[in-house]
Amino acid sequence: MNPFWYLAVAVIGFKLYAFVDALTRREDAYRAAGKKTKPFWLAVLGLSLGLDLLFGANVVTGFLTLIGLVASIVYMVDVRPAIKELTDGRGGGRRNTGPYGPW
């Protein structure tokens, strides 16, 4: 098989993971974290994933594939950690908690 096929499958898998993660997060957490709204991120990530599934993910020359990949990376690196900090059991309401647990 073509090695670019594996790369395209990895990109689609990454975009799918980002979309599902955005889908499972609470709406109010986006606003509380000071990020764009949940419908905005679902639209951007869903459109990116949908275009790749519809037309194929061309990682080398696909301009839309690369733009969608950048959007997915921004979500995973910037938005997801901020939301996760607010919504996870370990992240919210840290009182008397050190780096290795409560003290």
N, C-alpha and C. Protein backbone atom coordinates (compact mmCIF):
# COMPACT_ATOMS: atom_id res chain seq x y z
N MET A 1 0.83 -1.19 0.00
CA MET A 1 0.00 0.00 0.00
C MET A 1 0.88 1.25 0.00
N ASN A 2 0.26 2.29 -0.43
CA ASN A 2 0.91 3.59 -0.50
C ASN A 2 1.10 4.15 0.91
N PRO A 3 2.30 4.63 1.25
CA PRO A 3 2.51 5.17 2.60
C PRO A 3 1.66 6.41 2.88
N PHE A 4 1.27 7.14 1.84
CA PHE A 4 0.41 8.30 2.05
C PHE A 4 -1.00 7.88 2.47
N TRP A 5 -1.39 6.65 2.13
CA TRP A 5 -2.68 6.14 2.57
C TRP A 5 -2.70 6.03 4.09
N TYR A 6 -1.62 5.51 4.67
CA TYR A 6 -1.53 5.40 6.13
C TYR A 6 -1.59 6.78 6.79
N LEU A 7 -0.92 7.73 6.19
CA LEU A 7 -0.93 9.09 6.71
C LEU A 7 -2.34 9.69 6.63
N ALA A 8 -3.04 9.44 5.53
CA ALA A 8 -4.40 9.94 5.38
C ALA A 8 -5.33 9.30 6.41
N VAL A 9 -5.18 8.02 6.66
CA VAL A 9 -6.00 7.34 7.66
C VAL A 9 -5.71 7.90 9.05
N ALA A 10 -4.45 8.18 9.34
CA ALA A 10 -4.08 8.76 10.64
C ALA A 10 -4.69 10.15 10.80
N VAL A 11 -4.68 10.95 9.75
CA VAL A 11 -5.26 12.29 9.81
C VAL A 11 -6.77 12.21 10.05
N ILE A 12 -7.44 11.32 9.34
CA ILE A 12 -8.88 11.16 9.53
C ILE A 12 -9.18 10.65 10.94
N GLY A 13 -8.38 9.73 11.42
CA GLY A 13 -8.56 9.24 12.80
C GLY A 13 -8.38 10.33 13.83
N PHE A 14 -7.39 11.18 13.63
CA PHE A 14 -7.14 12.30 14.55
C PHE A 14 -8.31 13.27 14.53
N LYS A 15 -8.80 13.58 13.33
CA LYS A 15 -9.94 14.50 13.21
C LYS A 15 -11.19 13.89 13.83
N LEU A 16 -11.39 12.61 13.66
CA LEU A 16 -12.54 11.94 14.26
C LEU A 16 -12.45 11.98 15.79
N TYR A 17 -11.26 11.74 16.34
CA TYR A 17 -11.08 11.80 17.78
C TYR A 17 -11.36 13.21 18.31
N ALA A 18 -10.87 14.23 17.63
CA ALA A 18 -11.12 15.61 18.05
C ALA A 18 -12.60 15.94 17.99
N PHE A 19 -13.30 15.49 16.94
CA PHE A 19 -14.72 15.76 16.80
C PHE A 19 -15.53 15.07 17.90
N VAL A 20 -15.24 13.82 18.16
CA VAL A 20 -15.95 13.09 19.21
C VAL A 20 -15.68 13.70 20.57
N ASP A 21 -14.45 14.13 20.81
CA ASP A 21 -14.12 14.77 22.08
C ASP A 21 -14.90 16.08 22.23
N ALA A 22 -14.96 16.86 21.18
CA ALA A 22 -15.73 18.12 21.23
C ALA A 22 -17.21 17.85 21.43
N LEU A 23 -17.70 16.77 20.88
CA LEU A 23 -19.10 16.41 21.01
C LEU A 23 -19.46 16.02 22.43
N THR A 24 -18.53 15.41 23.15
CA THR A 24 -18.82 14.91 24.49
C THR A 24 -18.61 15.93 25.59
N ARG A 25 -18.02 17.07 25.28
CA ARG A 25 -17.80 18.10 26.31
C ARG A 25 -19.04 18.94 26.52
N ARG A 26 -19.19 19.48 27.72
CA ARG A 26 -20.35 20.30 28.05
C ARG A 26 -20.27 21.67 27.40
N GLU A 27 -21.43 22.21 27.03
CA GLU A 27 -21.52 23.51 26.35
C GLU A 27 -21.00 24.63 27.24
N ASP A 28 -21.37 24.64 28.51
CA ASP A 28 -20.99 25.75 29.38
C ASP A 28 -19.49 25.77 29.68
N ALA A 29 -18.82 24.64 29.51
CA ALA A 29 -17.38 24.60 29.77
C ALA A 29 -16.61 25.41 28.73
N TYR A 30 -17.10 25.47 27.51
CA TYR A 30 -16.45 26.26 26.47
C TYR A 30 -16.47 27.74 26.85
N ARG A 31 -17.64 28.20 27.29
CA ARG A 31 -17.75 29.61 27.69
C ARG A 31 -16.93 29.89 28.95
N ALA A 32 -16.96 28.97 29.91
CA ALA A 32 -16.21 29.16 31.14
C ALA A 32 -14.71 29.20 30.89
N ALA A 33 -14.25 28.48 29.90
CA ALA A 33 -12.82 28.46 29.57
C ALA A 33 -12.42 29.65 28.70
N GLY A 34 -13.40 30.43 28.26
CA GLY A 34 -13.10 31.59 27.43
C GLY A 34 -12.76 31.23 26.00
N LYS A 35 -13.32 30.13 25.51
CA LYS A 35 -13.06 29.67 24.14
C LYS A 35 -14.30 29.89 23.28
N LYS A 36 -14.18 29.61 22.00
CA LYS A 36 -15.34 29.68 21.10
C LYS A 36 -16.38 28.68 21.58
N THR A 37 -17.60 28.82 21.08
CA THR A 37 -18.69 27.99 21.55
C THR A 37 -18.59 26.56 21.02
N LYS A 38 -19.34 25.67 21.66
CA LYS A 38 -19.37 24.27 21.24
C LYS A 38 -19.90 24.12 19.82
N PRO A 39 -21.00 24.80 19.43
CA PRO A 39 -21.44 24.67 18.04
C PRO A 39 -20.40 25.13 17.01
N PHE A 40 -19.62 26.15 17.35
CA PHE A 40 -18.56 26.59 16.45
C PHE A 40 -17.54 25.47 16.23
N TRP A 41 -17.06 24.87 17.32
CA TRP A 41 -16.05 23.82 17.19
C TRP A 41 -16.62 22.57 16.54
N LEU A 42 -17.88 22.25 16.83
CA LEU A 42 -18.48 21.10 16.17
C LEU A 42 -18.63 21.34 14.68
N ALA A 43 -18.97 22.56 14.29
CA ALA A 43 -19.10 22.88 12.87
C ALA A 43 -17.75 22.81 12.16
N VAL A 44 -16.73 23.40 12.76
CA VAL A 44 -15.40 23.40 12.13
C VAL A 44 -14.84 21.99 12.04
N LEU A 45 -14.87 21.27 13.14
CA LEU A 45 -14.30 19.92 13.14
C LEU A 45 -15.14 18.95 12.31
N GLY A 46 -16.46 19.10 12.36
CA GLY A 46 -17.33 18.22 11.58
C GLY A 46 -17.21 18.47 10.09
N LEU A 47 -17.12 19.73 9.70
CA LEU A 47 -16.93 20.06 8.29
C LEU A 47 -15.60 19.54 7.78
N SER A 48 -14.57 19.69 8.58
CA SER A 48 -13.25 19.20 8.21
C SER A 48 -13.26 17.68 8.03
N LEU A 49 -13.86 16.99 8.98
CA LEU A 49 -13.93 15.53 8.89
C LEU A 49 -14.82 15.10 7.73
N GLY A 50 -15.95 15.76 7.57
CA GLY A 50 -16.87 15.40 6.49
C GLY A 50 -16.27 15.58 5.11
N LEU A 51 -15.54 16.67 4.91
CA LEU A 51 -14.90 16.89 3.60
C LEU A 51 -13.85 15.83 3.31
N ASP A 52 -13.10 15.45 4.35
CA ASP A 52 -12.09 14.40 4.15
C ASP A 52 -12.74 13.05 3.84
N LEU A 53 -13.85 12.76 4.50
CA LEU A 53 -14.52 11.49 4.23
C LEU A 53 -15.20 11.50 2.86
N LEU A 54 -15.69 12.66 2.46
CA LEU A 54 -16.40 12.77 1.19
C LEU A 54 -15.44 12.78 -0.01
N PHE A 55 -14.40 13.58 0.08
CA PHE A 55 -13.49 13.76 -1.06
C PHE A 55 -12.15 13.04 -0.90
N GLY A 56 -11.89 12.48 0.27
CA GLY A 56 -10.62 11.82 0.51
C GLY A 56 -9.62 12.78 1.11
N ALA A 57 -8.83 12.28 2.02
CA ALA A 57 -7.82 13.11 2.69
C ALA A 57 -6.53 13.05 1.89
N ASN A 58 -6.24 14.11 1.17
CA ASN A 58 -5.00 14.21 0.43
C ASN A 58 -4.04 15.06 1.27
N VAL A 59 -3.18 14.39 2.00
CA VAL A 59 -2.33 15.06 2.98
C VAL A 59 -1.26 15.92 2.34
N VAL A 60 -0.81 15.56 1.15
CA VAL A 60 0.29 16.27 0.52
C VAL A 60 -0.19 17.56 -0.16
N THR A 61 -1.25 17.48 -0.95
CA THR A 61 -1.67 18.65 -1.72
C THR A 61 -3.07 19.14 -1.37
N GLY A 62 -3.73 18.48 -0.45
CA GLY A 62 -5.10 18.86 -0.10
C GLY A 62 -5.12 20.06 0.82
N PHE A 63 -5.44 21.21 0.27
CA PHE A 63 -5.45 22.46 1.04
C PHE A 63 -6.49 22.40 2.15
N LEU A 64 -7.68 21.90 1.84
CA LEU A 64 -8.73 21.81 2.86
C LEU A 64 -8.38 20.79 3.94
N THR A 65 -7.71 19.71 3.55
CA THR A 65 -7.28 18.72 4.53
C THR A 65 -6.30 19.33 5.51
N LEU A 66 -5.37 20.12 5.01
CA LEU A 66 -4.37 20.74 5.89
C LEU A 66 -4.99 21.81 6.79
N ILE A 67 -5.94 22.58 6.26
CA ILE A 67 -6.62 23.59 7.09
C ILE A 67 -7.40 22.90 8.20
N GLY A 68 -8.09 21.81 7.86
CA GLY A 68 -8.83 21.06 8.87
C GLY A 68 -7.93 20.42 9.89
N LEU A 69 -6.76 19.97 9.45
CA LEU A 69 -5.80 19.39 10.39
C LEU A 69 -5.30 20.44 11.37
N VAL A 70 -5.04 21.63 10.88
CA VAL A 70 -4.61 22.72 11.76
C VAL A 70 -5.70 23.06 12.77
N ALA A 71 -6.96 23.10 12.33
CA ALA A 71 -8.07 23.37 13.24
C ALA A 71 -8.18 22.28 14.30
N SER A 72 -8.00 21.03 13.92
CA SER A 72 -8.05 19.92 14.88
C SER A 72 -6.91 20.00 15.88
N ILE A 73 -5.74 20.38 15.40
CA ILE A 73 -4.59 20.52 16.30
C ILE A 73 -4.83 21.66 17.28
N VAL A 74 -5.38 22.77 16.80
CA VAL A 74 -5.69 23.90 17.69
C VAL A 74 -6.68 23.47 18.76
N TYR A 75 -7.69 22.72 18.36
CA TYR A 75 -8.66 22.24 19.35
C TYR A 75 -7.98 21.35 20.39
N MET A 76 -7.18 20.40 19.94
CA MET A 76 -6.57 19.43 20.85
C MET A 76 -5.50 20.06 21.75
N VAL A 77 -4.82 21.08 21.27
CA VAL A 77 -3.72 21.67 22.05
C VAL A 77 -4.17 22.84 22.91
N ASP A 78 -5.16 23.59 22.46
CA ASP A 78 -5.57 24.79 23.17
C ASP A 78 -6.92 24.64 23.87
N VAL A 79 -7.94 24.24 23.15
CA VAL A 79 -9.30 24.23 23.69
C VAL A 79 -9.51 23.04 24.62
N ARG A 80 -9.14 21.86 24.20
CA ARG A 80 -9.39 20.66 25.00
C ARG A 80 -8.76 20.72 26.39
N PRO A 81 -7.47 21.11 26.53
CA PRO A 81 -6.92 21.18 27.88
C PRO A 81 -7.63 22.19 28.78
N ALA A 82 -8.05 23.31 28.21
CA ALA A 82 -8.74 24.32 29.02
C ALA A 82 -10.09 23.80 29.50
N ILE A 83 -10.81 23.11 28.63
CA ILE A 83 -12.10 22.56 29.01
C ILE A 83 -11.92 21.39 29.98
N LYS A 84 -10.94 20.57 29.71
CA LYS A 84 -10.68 19.41 30.58
C LYS A 84 -10.30 19.86 31.99
N GLU A 85 -9.60 20.93 32.09
CA GLU A 85 -9.21 21.47 33.39
C GLU A 85 -10.45 21.84 34.22
N LEU A 86 -11.48 22.32 33.54
CA LEU A 86 -12.69 22.74 34.24
C LEU A 86 -13.66 21.59 34.52
N THR A 87 -13.68 20.58 33.68
CA THR A 87 -14.75 19.58 33.78
C THR A 87 -14.33 18.25 34.37
N ASP A 88 -13.08 17.88 34.34
CA ASP A 88 -12.68 16.58 34.88
C ASP A 88 -12.75 16.58 36.39
N GLY A 89 -12.92 15.42 36.95
CA GLY A 89 -12.99 15.29 38.39
C GLY A 89 -11.71 15.74 39.08
N ARG A 90 -10.58 15.52 38.47
CA ARG A 90 -9.31 15.94 39.07
C ARG A 90 -9.04 17.41 38.83
N GLY A 91 -9.62 17.97 37.78
CA GLY A 91 -9.30 19.34 37.41
C GLY A 91 -10.13 20.39 38.11
N GLY A 92 -11.36 20.09 38.42
CA GLY A 92 -12.24 21.10 39.00
C GLY A 92 -12.20 21.09 40.51
N GLY A 93 -12.19 22.27 41.10
CA GLY A 93 -12.24 22.39 42.54
C GLY A 93 -11.03 21.84 43.27
N ARG A 94 -9.88 22.14 42.79
CA ARG A 94 -8.67 21.65 43.45
C ARG A 94 -8.40 22.44 44.72
N ARG A 95 -8.66 21.83 45.83
CA ARG A 95 -8.32 22.44 47.11
C ARG A 95 -7.36 21.53 47.83
N ASN A 96 -6.30 22.09 48.30
CA ASN A 96 -5.28 21.32 49.02
C ASN A 96 -4.80 20.13 48.19
N THR A 97 -4.53 20.38 46.95
CA THR A 97 -4.08 19.32 46.06
C THR A 97 -2.71 19.68 45.52
N GLY A 98 -1.80 18.75 45.68
CA GLY A 98 -0.46 18.92 45.13
C GLY A 98 -0.34 18.21 43.80
N PRO A 99 0.85 18.16 43.23
CA PRO A 99 1.01 17.54 41.92
C PRO A 99 0.80 16.03 41.95
N TYR A 100 0.85 15.40 43.12
CA TYR A 100 0.71 13.94 43.21
C TYR A 100 -0.54 13.55 43.96
N GLY A 101 -1.44 14.47 44.22
CA GLY A 101 -2.68 14.16 44.90
C GLY A 101 -2.92 15.08 46.08
N PRO A 102 -3.96 14.80 46.87
CA PRO A 102 -4.28 15.69 47.99
C PRO A 102 -3.23 15.62 49.09
N TRP A 103 -3.10 16.70 49.83
CA TRP A 103 -2.18 16.73 50.97
C TRP A 103 -2.86 17.23 52.19
